[in-house]
All heavy atoms as atom14 arrays in JSON, in Angstrom:
{
  "sequence": "ARQIDRYGGLVVALVSLLVETLGLLVLWRCTTVAGAALGAALTGA",
  "atom14_mask": [
    [1, 1, 1, 1, 1, 0, 0, 0, 0, 0, 0, 0, 0, 0],
    [1, 1, 1, 1, 1, 1, 1, 1, 1, 1, 1, 0, 0, 0],
    [1, 1, 1, 1, 1, 1, 1, 1, 1, 0, 0, 0, 0, 0],
    [1, 1, 1, 1, 1, 1, 1, 1, 0, 0, 0, 0, 0, 0],
    [1, 1, 1, 1, 1, 1, 1, 1, 0, 0, 0, 0, 0, 0],
    [1, 1, 1, 1, 1, 1, 1, 1, 1, 1, 1, 0, 0, 0],
    [1, 1, 1, 1, 1, 1, 1, 1, 1, 1, 1, 1, 0, 0],
    [1, 1, 1, 1, 0, 0, 0, 0, 0, 0, 0, 0, 0, 0],
    [1, 1, 1, 1, 0, 0, 0, 0, 0, 0, 0, 0, 0, 0],
    [1, 1, 1, 1, 1, 1, 1, 1, 0, 0, 0, 0, 0, 0],
    [1, 1, 1, 1, 1, 1, 1, 0, 0, 0, 0, 0, 0, 0],
    [1, 1, 1, 1, 1, 1, 1, 0, 0, 0, 0, 0, 0, 0],
    [1, 1, 1, 1, 1, 0, 0, 0, 0, 0, 0, 0, 0, 0],
    [1, 1, 1, 1, 1, 1, 1, 1, 0, 0, 0, 0, 0, 0],
    [1, 1, 1, 1, 1, 1, 1, 0, 0, 0, 0, 0, 0, 0],
    [1, 1, 1, 1, 1, 1, 0, 0, 0, 0, 0, 0, 0, 0],
    [1, 1, 1, 1, 1, 1, 1, 1, 0, 0, 0, 0, 0, 0],
    [1, 1, 1, 1, 1, 1, 1, 1, 0, 0, 0, 0, 0, 0],
    [1, 1, 1, 1, 1, 1, 1, 0, 0, 0, 0, 0, 0, 0],
    [1, 1, 1, 1, 1, 1, 1, 1, 1, 0, 0, 0, 0, 0],
    [1, 1, 1, 1, 1, 1, 1, 0, 0, 0, 0, 0, 0, 0],
    [1, 1, 1, 1, 1, 1, 1, 1, 0, 0, 0, 0, 0, 0],
    [1, 1, 1, 1, 0, 0, 0, 0, 0, 0, 0, 0, 0, 0],
    [1, 1, 1, 1, 1, 1, 1, 1, 0, 0, 0, 0, 0, 0],
    [1, 1, 1, 1, 1, 1, 1, 1, 0, 0, 0, 0, 0, 0],
    [1, 1, 1, 1, 1, 1, 1, 0, 0, 0, 0, 0, 0, 0],
    [1, 1, 1, 1, 1, 1, 1, 1, 0, 0, 0, 0, 0, 0],
    [1, 1, 1, 1, 1, 1, 1, 1, 1, 1, 1, 1, 1, 1],
    [1, 1, 1, 1, 1, 1, 1, 1, 1, 1, 1, 0, 0, 0],
    [1, 1, 1, 1, 1, 1, 0, 0, 0, 0, 0, 0, 0, 0],
    [1, 1, 1, 1, 1, 1, 1, 0, 0, 0, 0, 0, 0, 0],
    [1, 1, 1, 1, 1, 1, 1, 0, 0, 0, 0, 0, 0, 0],
    [1, 1, 1, 1, 1, 1, 1, 0, 0, 0, 0, 0, 0, 0],
    [1, 1, 1, 1, 1, 0, 0, 0, 0, 0, 0, 0, 0, 0],
    [1, 1, 1, 1, 0, 0, 0, 0, 0, 0, 0, 0, 0, 0],
    [1, 1, 1, 1, 1, 0, 0, 0, 0, 0, 0, 0, 0, 0],
    [1, 1, 1, 1, 1, 0, 0, 0, 0, 0, 0, 0, 0, 0],
    [1, 1, 1, 1, 1, 1, 1, 1, 0, 0, 0, 0, 0, 0],
    [1, 1, 1, 1, 0, 0, 0, 0, 0, 0, 0, 0, 0, 0],
    [1, 1, 1, 1, 1, 0, 0, 0, 0, 0, 0, 0, 0, 0],
    [1, 1, 1, 1, 1, 0, 0, 0, 0, 0, 0, 0, 0, 0],
    [1, 1, 1, 1, 1, 1, 1, 1, 0, 0, 0, 0, 0, 0],
    [1, 1, 1, 1, 1, 1, 1, 0, 0, 0, 0, 0, 0, 0],
    [1, 1, 1, 1, 0, 0, 0, 0, 0, 0, 0, 0, 0, 0],
    [1, 1, 1, 1, 1, 0, 0, 0, 0, 0, 0, 0, 0, 0]
  ],
  "atom14_positions": [
    [[-14.11, -18.65, -45.16], [-13.71, -17.28, -45.14], [-13.32, -16.79, -43.8], [-12.37, -15.89, -43.64], [-14.95, -16.42, -45.65], [0.0, 0.0, 0.0], [0.0, 0.0, 0.0], [0.0, 0.0, 0.0], [0.0, 0.0, 0.0], [0.0, 0.0, 0.0], [0.0, 0.0, 0.0], [0.0, 0.0, 0.0], [0.0, 0.0, 0.0], [0.0, 0.0, 0.0]],
    [[-13.8, -17.37, -42.77], [-13.34, -16.9, -41.29], [-11.97, -17.31, -41.03], [-11.35, -16.72, -40.06], [-14.36, -17.43, -40.33], [-15.73, -16.89, -40.44], [-16.63, -17.33, -39.31], [-18.02, -16.88, -39.47], [-18.48, -15.76, -39.03], [-17.66, -14.91, -38.44], [-19.76, -15.43, -39.24], [0.0, 0.0, 0.0], [0.0, 0.0, 0.0], [0.0, 0.0, 0.0]],
    [[-11.45, -18.18, -41.8], [-10.0, -18.57, -41.53], [-9.04, -17.47, -41.84], [-7.86, -17.5, -41.37], [-9.6, -19.76, -42.38], [-10.56, -21.0, -42.21], [-10.74, -21.35, -40.76], [-9.75, -21.5, -40.0], [-11.99, -21.57, -40.36], [0.0, 0.0, 0.0], [0.0, 0.0, 0.0], [0.0, 0.0, 0.0], [0.0, 0.0, 0.0], [0.0, 0.0, 0.0]],
    [[-9.43, -16.45, -42.61], [-8.6, -15.28, -42.93], [-8.28, -14.57, -41.61], [-7.13, -14.21, -41.35], [-9.25, -14.37, -43.9], [-9.45, -15.07, -45.23], [-8.51, -13.07, -44.08], [-10.31, -14.22, -46.22], [0.0, 0.0, 0.0], [0.0, 0.0, 0.0], [0.0, 0.0, 0.0], [0.0, 0.0, 0.0], [0.0, 0.0, 0.0], [0.0, 0.0, 0.0]],
    [[-9.35, -14.34, -40.79], [-9.08, -13.69, -39.41], [-8.31, -14.55, -38.5], [-7.61, -14.08, -37.67], [-10.51, -13.35, -38.88], [-11.19, -12.26, -39.66], [-10.57, -11.4, -40.25], [-12.48, -12.21, -39.59], [0.0, 0.0, 0.0], [0.0, 0.0, 0.0], [0.0, 0.0, 0.0], [0.0, 0.0, 0.0], [0.0, 0.0, 0.0], [0.0, 0.0, 0.0]],
    [[-8.47, -15.91, -38.67], [-7.84, -16.81, -37.7], [-6.35, -17.0, -38.02], [-5.6, -17.01, -37.12], [-8.59, -18.07, -37.69], [-8.1, -19.15, -36.77], [-8.88, -20.43, -36.79], [-8.47, -21.43, -35.81], [-8.95, -22.55, -35.6], [-10.0, -22.93, -36.33], [-8.51, -23.41, -34.77], [0.0, 0.0, 0.0], [0.0, 0.0, 0.0], [0.0, 0.0, 0.0]],
    [[-6.07, -17.2, -39.31], [-4.65, -17.57, -39.64], [-3.87, -16.46, -40.34], [-2.74, -16.58, -40.51], [-4.59, -18.86, -40.54], [-5.11, -20.06, -39.88], [-6.39, -20.6, -40.03], [-4.35, -20.68, -38.88], [-6.87, -21.71, -39.42], [-4.8, -21.86, -38.21], [-6.07, -22.39, -38.49], [-6.45, -23.54, -37.88], [0.0, 0.0, 0.0], [0.0, 0.0, 0.0]],
    [[-4.65, -15.43, -40.91], [-3.96, -14.34, -41.54], [-4.14, -14.51, -43.04], [-4.21, -15.74, -43.6], [0.0, 0.0, 0.0], [0.0, 0.0, 0.0], [0.0, 0.0, 0.0], [0.0, 0.0, 0.0], [0.0, 0.0, 0.0], [0.0, 0.0, 0.0], [0.0, 0.0, 0.0], [0.0, 0.0, 0.0], [0.0, 0.0, 0.0], [0.0, 0.0, 0.0]],
    [[-4.13, -13.38, -43.74], [-4.37, -13.46, -45.21], [-3.29, -14.26, -45.96], [-3.54, -14.88, -47.02], [0.0, 0.0, 0.0], [0.0, 0.0, 0.0], [0.0, 0.0, 0.0], [0.0, 0.0, 0.0], [0.0, 0.0, 0.0], [0.0, 0.0, 0.0], [0.0, 0.0, 0.0], [0.0, 0.0, 0.0], [0.0, 0.0, 0.0], [0.0, 0.0, 0.0]],
    [[-2.05, -14.1, -45.59], [-0.9, -14.62, -46.38], [-1.0, -16.19, -46.26], [-0.74, -16.86, -47.29], [0.42, -14.18, -45.74], [0.69, -12.71, -45.96], [2.0, -12.26, -45.25], [0.76, -12.39, -47.48], [0.0, 0.0, 0.0], [0.0, 0.0, 0.0], [0.0, 0.0, 0.0], [0.0, 0.0, 0.0], [0.0, 0.0, 0.0], [0.0, 0.0, 0.0]],
    [[-1.29, -16.77, -45.06], [-1.36, -18.21, -45.01], [-2.5, -18.76, -45.89], [-2.42, -19.74, -46.61], [-1.56, -18.66, -43.55], [-1.82, -20.17, -43.43], [-0.32, -18.28, -42.79], [0.0, 0.0, 0.0], [0.0, 0.0, 0.0], [0.0, 0.0, 0.0], [0.0, 0.0, 0.0], [0.0, 0.0, 0.0], [0.0, 0.0, 0.0], [0.0, 0.0, 0.0]],
    [[-3.66, -18.1, -45.79], [-4.85, -18.54, -46.53], [-4.57, -18.41, -48.02], [-4.95, -19.29, -48.87], [-6.08, -17.69, -46.13], [-7.19, -18.04, -47.03], [-6.45, -17.95, -44.69], [0.0, 0.0, 0.0], [0.0, 0.0, 0.0], [0.0, 0.0, 0.0], [0.0, 0.0, 0.0], [0.0, 0.0, 0.0], [0.0, 0.0, 0.0], [0.0, 0.0, 0.0]],
    [[-3.95, -17.33, -48.5], [-3.61, -17.14, -49.9], [-2.64, -18.27, -50.38], [-2.79, -18.77, -51.48], [-3.06, -15.72, -50.1], [0.0, 0.0, 0.0], [0.0, 0.0, 0.0], [0.0, 0.0, 0.0], [0.0, 0.0, 0.0], [0.0, 0.0, 0.0], [0.0, 0.0, 0.0], [0.0, 0.0, 0.0], [0.0, 0.0, 0.0], [0.0, 0.0, 0.0]],
    [[-1.71, -18.55, -49.52], [-0.69, -19.53, -49.95], [-1.35, -20.85, -50.2], [-1.16, -21.52, -51.28], [0.35, -19.71, -48.83], [1.48, -20.78, -49.07], [2.3, -20.37, -50.32], [2.33, -20.79, -47.79], [0.0, 0.0, 0.0], [0.0, 0.0, 0.0], [0.0, 0.0, 0.0], [0.0, 0.0, 0.0], [0.0, 0.0, 0.0], [0.0, 0.0, 0.0]],
    [[-2.21, -21.32, -49.27], [-2.92, -22.72, -49.43], [-3.84, -22.53, -50.68], [-3.88, -23.52, -51.48], [-3.68, -23.0, -48.22], [-4.47, -24.27, -48.48], [-2.69, -23.17, -47.02], [0.0, 0.0, 0.0], [0.0, 0.0, 0.0], [0.0, 0.0, 0.0], [0.0, 0.0, 0.0], [0.0, 0.0, 0.0], [0.0, 0.0, 0.0], [0.0, 0.0, 0.0]],
    [[-4.51, -21.47, -50.85], [-5.42, -21.33, -51.96], [-4.79, -21.38, -53.27], [-5.28, -22.05, -54.2], [-6.15, -19.91, -51.76], [-6.93, -19.8, -50.65], [0.0, 0.0, 0.0], [0.0, 0.0, 0.0], [0.0, 0.0, 0.0], [0.0, 0.0, 0.0], [0.0, 0.0, 0.0], [0.0, 0.0, 0.0], [0.0, 0.0, 0.0], [0.0, 0.0, 0.0]],
    [[-3.61, -20.71, -53.38], [-2.9, -20.74, -54.72], [-2.39, -22.17, -54.99], [-2.43, -22.59, -56.2], [-1.8, -19.78, -54.61], [-2.14, -18.28, -54.67], [-1.0, -17.38, -54.3], [-2.69, -17.95, -56.12], [0.0, 0.0, 0.0], [0.0, 0.0, 0.0], [0.0, 0.0, 0.0], [0.0, 0.0, 0.0], [0.0, 0.0, 0.0], [0.0, 0.0, 0.0]],
    [[-2.06, -22.93, -54.07], [-1.61, -24.29, -54.3], [-2.79, -25.2, -54.78], [-2.57, -25.99, -55.68], [-1.01, -24.86, -52.99], [0.35, -24.28, -52.53], [0.74, -24.84, -51.21], [1.46, -24.78, -53.63], [0.0, 0.0, 0.0], [0.0, 0.0, 0.0], [0.0, 0.0, 0.0], [0.0, 0.0, 0.0], [0.0, 0.0, 0.0], [0.0, 0.0, 0.0]],
    [[-3.93, -24.98, -54.2], [-5.14, -25.7, -54.7], [-5.5, -25.29, -56.11], [-5.8, -26.15, -56.94], [-6.37, -25.38, -53.66], [-7.58, -26.08, -54.34], [-6.04, -26.05, -52.31], [0.0, 0.0, 0.0], [0.0, 0.0, 0.0], [0.0, 0.0, 0.0], [0.0, 0.0, 0.0], [0.0, 0.0, 0.0], [0.0, 0.0, 0.0], [0.0, 0.0, 0.0]],
    [[-5.4, -23.97, -56.4], [-5.67, -23.48, -57.75], [-4.7, -24.1, -58.74], [-5.07, -24.57, -59.83], [-5.6, -21.98, -57.74], [-6.03, -21.39, -59.1], [-5.94, -19.9, -59.17], [-5.68, -19.29, -58.11], [-6.27, -19.28, -60.21], [0.0, 0.0, 0.0], [0.0, 0.0, 0.0], [0.0, 0.0, 0.0], [0.0, 0.0, 0.0], [0.0, 0.0, 0.0]],
    [[-3.44, -24.13, -58.37], [-2.41, -24.75, -59.24], [-2.8, -26.27, -59.54], [-2.64, -26.81, -60.69], [-1.02, -24.71, -58.59], [-0.7, -23.34, -58.33], [0.0, -25.34, -59.57], [0.0, 0.0, 0.0], [0.0, 0.0, 0.0], [0.0, 0.0, 0.0], [0.0, 0.0, 0.0], [0.0, 0.0, 0.0], [0.0, 0.0, 0.0], [0.0, 0.0, 0.0]],
    [[-3.23, -27.06, -58.42], [-3.58, -28.36, -58.66], [-4.78, -28.5, -59.67], [-4.72, -29.47, -60.58], [-4.0, -28.98, -57.32], [-4.56, -30.42, -57.4], [-3.54, -31.32, -57.84], [-5.03, -30.79, -56.0], [0.0, 0.0, 0.0], [0.0, 0.0, 0.0], [0.0, 0.0, 0.0], [0.0, 0.0, 0.0], [0.0, 0.0, 0.0], [0.0, 0.0, 0.0]],
    [[-5.74, -27.63, -59.59], [-6.93, -27.66, -60.57], [-6.46, -27.39, -61.93], [-6.89, -28.15, -62.83], [0.0, 0.0, 0.0], [0.0, 0.0, 0.0], [0.0, 0.0, 0.0], [0.0, 0.0, 0.0], [0.0, 0.0, 0.0], [0.0, 0.0, 0.0], [0.0, 0.0, 0.0], [0.0, 0.0, 0.0], [0.0, 0.0, 0.0], [0.0, 0.0, 0.0]],
    [[-5.53, -26.55, -62.18], [-5.03, -26.24, -63.57], [-4.26, -27.4, -64.04], [-4.36, -27.76, -65.3], [-4.18, -24.97, -63.57], [-5.01, -23.67, -63.3], [-4.09, -22.56, -62.91], [-5.91, -23.33, -64.5], [0.0, 0.0, 0.0], [0.0, 0.0, 0.0], [0.0, 0.0, 0.0], [0.0, 0.0, 0.0], [0.0, 0.0, 0.0], [0.0, 0.0, 0.0]],
    [[-3.5, -28.1, -63.28], [-2.73, -29.22, -63.66], [-3.67, -30.43, -63.96], [-3.41, -31.29, -64.84], [-1.73, -29.71, -62.56], [-0.6, -28.67, -62.36], [0.3, -29.06, -61.21], [0.18, -28.43, -63.72], [0.0, 0.0, 0.0], [0.0, 0.0, 0.0], [0.0, 0.0, 0.0], [0.0, 0.0, 0.0], [0.0, 0.0, 0.0], [0.0, 0.0, 0.0]],
    [[-4.75, -30.53, -63.29], [-5.76, -31.52, -63.51], [-6.33, -31.31, -64.92], [-6.59, -32.26, -65.78], [-6.88, -31.63, -62.49], [-8.12, -32.52, -62.91], [-6.34, -32.17, -61.2], [0.0, 0.0, 0.0], [0.0, 0.0, 0.0], [0.0, 0.0, 0.0], [0.0, 0.0, 0.0], [0.0, 0.0, 0.0], [0.0, 0.0, 0.0], [0.0, 0.0, 0.0]],
    [[-6.7, -30.11, -65.27], [-7.17, -29.75, -66.61], [-6.13, -30.04, -67.73], [-6.49, -30.46, -68.77], [-7.48, -28.24, -66.69], [-8.89, -27.78, -66.02], [-8.88, -26.32, -65.75], [-10.0, -28.29, -66.92], [0.0, 0.0, 0.0], [0.0, 0.0, 0.0], [0.0, 0.0, 0.0], [0.0, 0.0, 0.0], [0.0, 0.0, 0.0], [0.0, 0.0, 0.0]],
    [[-4.86, -29.85, -67.39], [-3.77, -30.12, -68.29], [-3.82, -31.65, -68.74], [-3.58, -31.93, -69.91], [-2.4, -29.73, -67.74], [-1.22, -30.14, -68.41], [-1.01, -30.14, -69.79], [-0.07, -30.8, -67.83], [0.2, -30.65, -70.04], [0.82, -31.0, -68.9], [0.31, -31.09, -66.55], [2.07, -31.66, -68.69], [1.53, -31.6, -66.32], [2.42, -31.94, -67.4]],
    [[-3.99, -32.47, -67.69], [-3.85, -33.99, -67.89], [-5.23, -34.6, -68.24], [-5.15, -35.84, -68.53], [-3.23, -34.61, -66.71], [-1.81, -34.08, -66.4], [-0.88, -34.12, -67.52], [-0.66, -35.56, -67.98], [-0.04, -35.9, -69.01], [0.4, -35.0, -69.85], [0.07, -37.21, -69.42], [0.0, 0.0, 0.0], [0.0, 0.0, 0.0], [0.0, 0.0, 0.0]],
    [[-6.31, -33.92, -68.11], [-7.66, -34.6, -68.21], [-7.93, -35.03, -69.62], [-7.58, -34.39, -70.62], [-8.68, -33.67, -67.74], [-9.18, -32.35, -68.85], [0.0, 0.0, 0.0], [0.0, 0.0, 0.0], [0.0, 0.0, 0.0], [0.0, 0.0, 0.0], [0.0, 0.0, 0.0], [0.0, 0.0, 0.0], [0.0, 0.0, 0.0], [0.0, 0.0, 0.0]],
    [[-8.67, -36.18, -69.77], [-9.08, -36.66, -71.09], [-10.54, -36.91, -71.17], [-11.06, -37.43, -72.15], [-8.34, -38.0, -71.38], [-8.6, -38.93, -70.28], [-6.83, -37.75, -71.54], [0.0, 0.0, 0.0], [0.0, 0.0, 0.0], [0.0, 0.0, 0.0], [0.0, 0.0, 0.0], [0.0, 0.0, 0.0], [0.0, 0.0, 0.0], [0.0, 0.0, 0.0]],
    [[-11.24, -36.54, -70.04], [-12.74, -36.72, -69.98], [-13.51, -35.48, -69.58], [-12.78, -34.61, -68.95], [-13.13, -37.84, -69.09], [-12.74, -37.52, -67.72], [-12.33, -39.2, -69.49], [0.0, 0.0, 0.0], [0.0, 0.0, 0.0], [0.0, 0.0, 0.0], [0.0, 0.0, 0.0], [0.0, 0.0, 0.0], [0.0, 0.0, 0.0], [0.0, 0.0, 0.0]],
    [[-14.7, -35.47, -69.8], [-15.57, -34.3, -69.35], [-15.51, -34.26, -67.84], [-15.45, -33.21, -67.27], [-16.96, -34.5, -69.86], [-17.91, -33.45, -69.24], [-17.01, -34.41, -71.3], [0.0, 0.0, 0.0], [0.0, 0.0, 0.0], [0.0, 0.0, 0.0], [0.0, 0.0, 0.0], [0.0, 0.0, 0.0], [0.0, 0.0, 0.0], [0.0, 0.0, 0.0]],
    [[-15.62, -35.42, -67.15], [-15.59, -35.43, -65.69], [-14.26, -34.91, -65.14], [-14.15, -34.1, -64.19], [-15.81, -36.79, -65.22], [0.0, 0.0, 0.0], [0.0, 0.0, 0.0], [0.0, 0.0, 0.0], [0.0, 0.0, 0.0], [0.0, 0.0, 0.0], [0.0, 0.0, 0.0], [0.0, 0.0, 0.0], [0.0, 0.0, 0.0], [0.0, 0.0, 0.0]],
    [[-13.15, -35.22, -65.85], [-11.83, -34.68, -65.36], [-11.74, -33.2, -65.55], [-11.23, -32.4, -64.71], [0.0, 0.0, 0.0], [0.0, 0.0, 0.0], [0.0, 0.0, 0.0], [0.0, 0.0, 0.0], [0.0, 0.0, 0.0], [0.0, 0.0, 0.0], [0.0, 0.0, 0.0], [0.0, 0.0, 0.0], [0.0, 0.0, 0.0], [0.0, 0.0, 0.0]],
    [[-12.26, -32.59, -66.68], [-12.25, -31.24, -66.84], [-13.15, -30.54, -65.87], [-12.74, -29.47, -65.31], [-12.75, -30.97, -68.31], [0.0, 0.0, 0.0], [0.0, 0.0, 0.0], [0.0, 0.0, 0.0], [0.0, 0.0, 0.0], [0.0, 0.0, 0.0], [0.0, 0.0, 0.0], [0.0, 0.0, 0.0], [0.0, 0.0, 0.0], [0.0, 0.0, 0.0]],
    [[-14.32, -31.12, -65.56], [-15.2, -30.47, -64.52], [-14.48, -30.48, -63.15], [-14.66, -29.44, -62.45], [-16.51, -31.23, -64.44], [0.0, 0.0, 0.0], [0.0, 0.0, 0.0], [0.0, 0.0, 0.0], [0.0, 0.0, 0.0], [0.0, 0.0, 0.0], [0.0, 0.0, 0.0], [0.0, 0.0, 0.0], [0.0, 0.0, 0.0], [0.0, 0.0, 0.0]],
    [[-13.75, -31.56, -62.82], [-13.05, -31.55, -61.51], [-11.96, -30.53, -61.51], [-11.8, -29.85, -60.49], [-12.49, -32.98, -61.4], [-11.53, -33.12, -60.11], [-12.27, -32.87, -58.83], [-10.91, -34.52, -60.2], [0.0, 0.0, 0.0], [0.0, 0.0, 0.0], [0.0, 0.0, 0.0], [0.0, 0.0, 0.0], [0.0, 0.0, 0.0], [0.0, 0.0, 0.0]],
    [[-11.22, -30.37, -62.61], [-10.21, -29.36, -62.71], [-10.72, -27.98, -62.53], [-10.13, -27.13, -61.83], [0.0, 0.0, 0.0], [0.0, 0.0, 0.0], [0.0, 0.0, 0.0], [0.0, 0.0, 0.0], [0.0, 0.0, 0.0], [0.0, 0.0, 0.0], [0.0, 0.0, 0.0], [0.0, 0.0, 0.0], [0.0, 0.0, 0.0], [0.0, 0.0, 0.0]],
    [[-11.8, -27.74, -63.14], [-12.51, -26.33, -63.06], [-12.99, -26.08, -61.63], [-12.77, -25.0, -61.12], [-13.68, -26.23, -64.1], [0.0, 0.0, 0.0], [0.0, 0.0, 0.0], [0.0, 0.0, 0.0], [0.0, 0.0, 0.0], [0.0, 0.0, 0.0], [0.0, 0.0, 0.0], [0.0, 0.0, 0.0], [0.0, 0.0, 0.0], [0.0, 0.0, 0.0]],
    [[-13.52, -27.18, -61.02], [-14.02, -27.03, -59.59], [-12.87, -26.75, -58.66], [-12.95, -25.9, -57.75], [-14.82, -28.21, -59.2], [0.0, 0.0, 0.0], [0.0, 0.0, 0.0], [0.0, 0.0, 0.0], [0.0, 0.0, 0.0], [0.0, 0.0, 0.0], [0.0, 0.0, 0.0], [0.0, 0.0, 0.0], [0.0, 0.0, 0.0], [0.0, 0.0, 0.0]],
    [[-11.74, -27.49, -58.87], [-10.57, -27.15, -57.96], [-9.97, -25.79, -58.19], [-9.57, -25.17, -57.27], [-9.48, -28.32, -58.2], [-9.74, -29.62, -57.7], [-8.72, -30.62, -58.17], [-9.62, -29.64, -56.11], [0.0, 0.0, 0.0], [0.0, 0.0, 0.0], [0.0, 0.0, 0.0], [0.0, 0.0, 0.0], [0.0, 0.0, 0.0], [0.0, 0.0, 0.0]],
    [[-9.96, -25.36, -59.37], [-9.45, -24.03, -59.75], [-10.36, -22.96, -59.08], [-9.79, -22.04, -58.42], [-9.45, -23.78, -61.26], [-8.69, -24.81, -61.9], [-8.81, -22.41, -61.57], [0.0, 0.0, 0.0], [0.0, 0.0, 0.0], [0.0, 0.0, 0.0], [0.0, 0.0, 0.0], [0.0, 0.0, 0.0], [0.0, 0.0, 0.0], [0.0, 0.0, 0.0]],
    [[-11.7, -23.15, -59.08], [-12.53, -22.26, -58.4], [-12.34, -22.3, -56.94], [-12.33, -21.2, -56.22], [0.0, 0.0, 0.0], [0.0, 0.0, 0.0], [0.0, 0.0, 0.0], [0.0, 0.0, 0.0], [0.0, 0.0, 0.0], [0.0, 0.0, 0.0], [0.0, 0.0, 0.0], [0.0, 0.0, 0.0], [0.0, 0.0, 0.0], [0.0, 0.0, 0.0]],
    [[-12.21, -23.46, -56.34], [-11.99, -23.66, -54.91], [-10.66, -22.81, -54.46], [-10.66, -22.21, -53.44], [-11.88, -25.06, -54.48], [0.0, 0.0, 0.0], [0.0, 0.0, 0.0], [0.0, 0.0, 0.0], [0.0, 0.0, 0.0], [0.0, 0.0, 0.0], [0.0, 0.0, 0.0], [0.0, 0.0, 0.0], [0.0, 0.0, 0.0], [0.0, 0.0, 0.0]]
  ]
}
């Protein structure tokens, strides 16, 4: 959270949205409970 003050809100939001996109794509391709849990965790992160 402190990285917002350090790097600015726009930079932090950009990286965050890319990680969220990755999580949703993992959910798209997952075939196991573990894969779905990983996708959900990445989306939350």
